[in-house]
Amino acid sequence: MHEYVENGLRLGVLLHPAKRQVWVYRPDVDPEKFVDQ
């Protein structure tokens, strides 16, 4: 799991598997949140 977090930070993506959420960070754009329901 630690590897996924490190890779996501480098790519501008944060994952929260327990909540099934993904946050996408891009330069000069507000973060986007995606939820799998």
N, C-alpha and C. Protein backbone atom coordinates (compact mmCIF):
# COMPACT_ATOMS: atom_id res chain seq x y z
N MET A 1 0.82 -1.19 0.00
CA MET A 1 0.00 0.00 0.00
C MET A 1 0.87 1.25 0.00
N HIS A 2 1.96 1.20 0.73
CA HIS A 2 2.86 2.35 0.81
C HIS A 2 3.38 2.75 -0.57
N GLU A 3 3.67 1.76 -1.41
CA GLU A 3 4.15 2.04 -2.77
C GLU A 3 3.10 2.78 -3.58
N TYR A 4 1.84 2.40 -3.43
CA TYR A 4 0.77 3.06 -4.18
C TYR A 4 0.66 4.53 -3.79
N VAL A 5 0.80 4.82 -2.52
CA VAL A 5 0.72 6.21 -2.04
C VAL A 5 1.88 7.01 -2.60
N GLU A 6 3.09 6.47 -2.53
CA GLU A 6 4.26 7.18 -3.05
C GLU A 6 4.14 7.44 -4.54
N ASN A 7 3.73 6.44 -5.30
CA ASN A 7 3.58 6.61 -6.75
C ASN A 7 2.48 7.61 -7.06
N GLY A 8 1.39 7.55 -6.33
CA GLY A 8 0.30 8.49 -6.54
C GLY A 8 0.71 9.92 -6.28
N LEU A 9 1.51 10.14 -5.25
CA LEU A 9 1.96 11.49 -4.96
C LEU A 9 2.83 12.03 -6.08
N ARG A 10 3.64 11.19 -6.67
CA ARG A 10 4.48 11.63 -7.79
C ARG A 10 3.64 11.96 -9.02
N LEU A 11 2.55 11.23 -9.21
CA LEU A 11 1.70 11.42 -10.39
C LEU A 11 0.60 12.45 -10.17
N GLY A 12 0.42 12.93 -8.95
CA GLY A 12 -0.64 13.90 -8.67
C GLY A 12 -1.97 13.22 -8.38
N VAL A 13 -1.90 12.01 -7.83
CA VAL A 13 -3.11 11.26 -7.52
C VAL A 13 -3.00 10.73 -6.10
N LEU A 14 -4.07 10.88 -5.32
CA LEU A 14 -4.12 10.28 -4.00
C LEU A 14 -5.28 9.30 -3.98
N LEU A 15 -5.04 8.10 -3.45
CA LEU A 15 -6.06 7.06 -3.38
C LEU A 15 -6.47 6.83 -1.93
N HIS A 16 -7.76 6.61 -1.71
CA HIS A 16 -8.26 6.22 -0.40
C HIS A 16 -9.11 4.97 -0.61
N PRO A 17 -8.45 3.79 -0.60
CA PRO A 17 -9.16 2.55 -0.93
C PRO A 17 -10.35 2.26 -0.02
N ALA A 18 -10.24 2.53 1.27
CA ALA A 18 -11.33 2.23 2.18
C ALA A 18 -12.60 3.01 1.84
N LYS A 19 -12.44 4.25 1.42
CA LYS A 19 -13.59 5.08 1.04
C LYS A 19 -13.87 5.03 -0.46
N ARG A 20 -13.01 4.31 -1.19
CA ARG A 20 -13.13 4.19 -2.66
C ARG A 20 -13.13 5.56 -3.32
N GLN A 21 -12.16 6.40 -2.91
CA GLN A 21 -12.03 7.75 -3.43
C GLN A 21 -10.68 7.93 -4.11
N VAL A 22 -10.68 8.80 -5.11
CA VAL A 22 -9.46 9.19 -5.80
C VAL A 22 -9.45 10.70 -5.91
N TRP A 23 -8.34 11.32 -5.54
CA TRP A 23 -8.16 12.76 -5.70
C TRP A 23 -7.09 12.97 -6.76
N VAL A 24 -7.39 13.83 -7.74
CA VAL A 24 -6.45 14.12 -8.83
C VAL A 24 -6.00 15.56 -8.71
N TYR A 25 -4.69 15.76 -8.65
CA TYR A 25 -4.10 17.09 -8.53
C TYR A 25 -3.35 17.42 -9.81
N ARG A 26 -3.68 18.58 -10.40
CA ARG A 26 -2.99 19.03 -11.61
C ARG A 26 -2.56 20.48 -11.40
N PRO A 27 -1.46 20.88 -11.99
CA PRO A 27 -0.99 22.26 -11.84
C PRO A 27 -2.05 23.26 -12.31
N ASP A 28 -2.24 24.31 -11.53
CA ASP A 28 -3.13 25.42 -11.86
C ASP A 28 -4.59 25.03 -12.01
N VAL A 29 -5.00 23.90 -11.46
CA VAL A 29 -6.40 23.46 -11.51
C VAL A 29 -6.80 22.99 -10.11
N ASP A 30 -8.03 23.28 -9.70
CA ASP A 30 -8.50 22.79 -8.41
C ASP A 30 -8.51 21.26 -8.40
N PRO A 31 -8.21 20.66 -7.24
CA PRO A 31 -8.22 19.19 -7.16
C PRO A 31 -9.61 18.64 -7.48
N GLU A 32 -9.64 17.47 -8.11
CA GLU A 32 -10.89 16.80 -8.42
C GLU A 32 -11.01 15.54 -7.57
N LYS A 33 -12.22 15.27 -7.11
CA LYS A 33 -12.48 14.09 -6.29
C LYS A 33 -13.41 13.16 -7.06
N PHE A 34 -13.04 11.89 -7.12
CA PHE A 34 -13.86 10.87 -7.77
C PHE A 34 -14.19 9.81 -6.73
N VAL A 35 -15.47 9.43 -6.66
CA VAL A 35 -15.92 8.43 -5.70
C VAL A 35 -16.61 7.30 -6.45
N ASP A 36 -16.22 6.07 -6.17
CA ASP A 36 -16.87 4.90 -6.75
C ASP A 36 -17.99 4.48 -5.81
N GLN A 37 -19.22 4.57 -6.30
CA GLN A 37 -20.36 4.24 -5.42
C GLN A 37 -21.06 3.00 -5.86
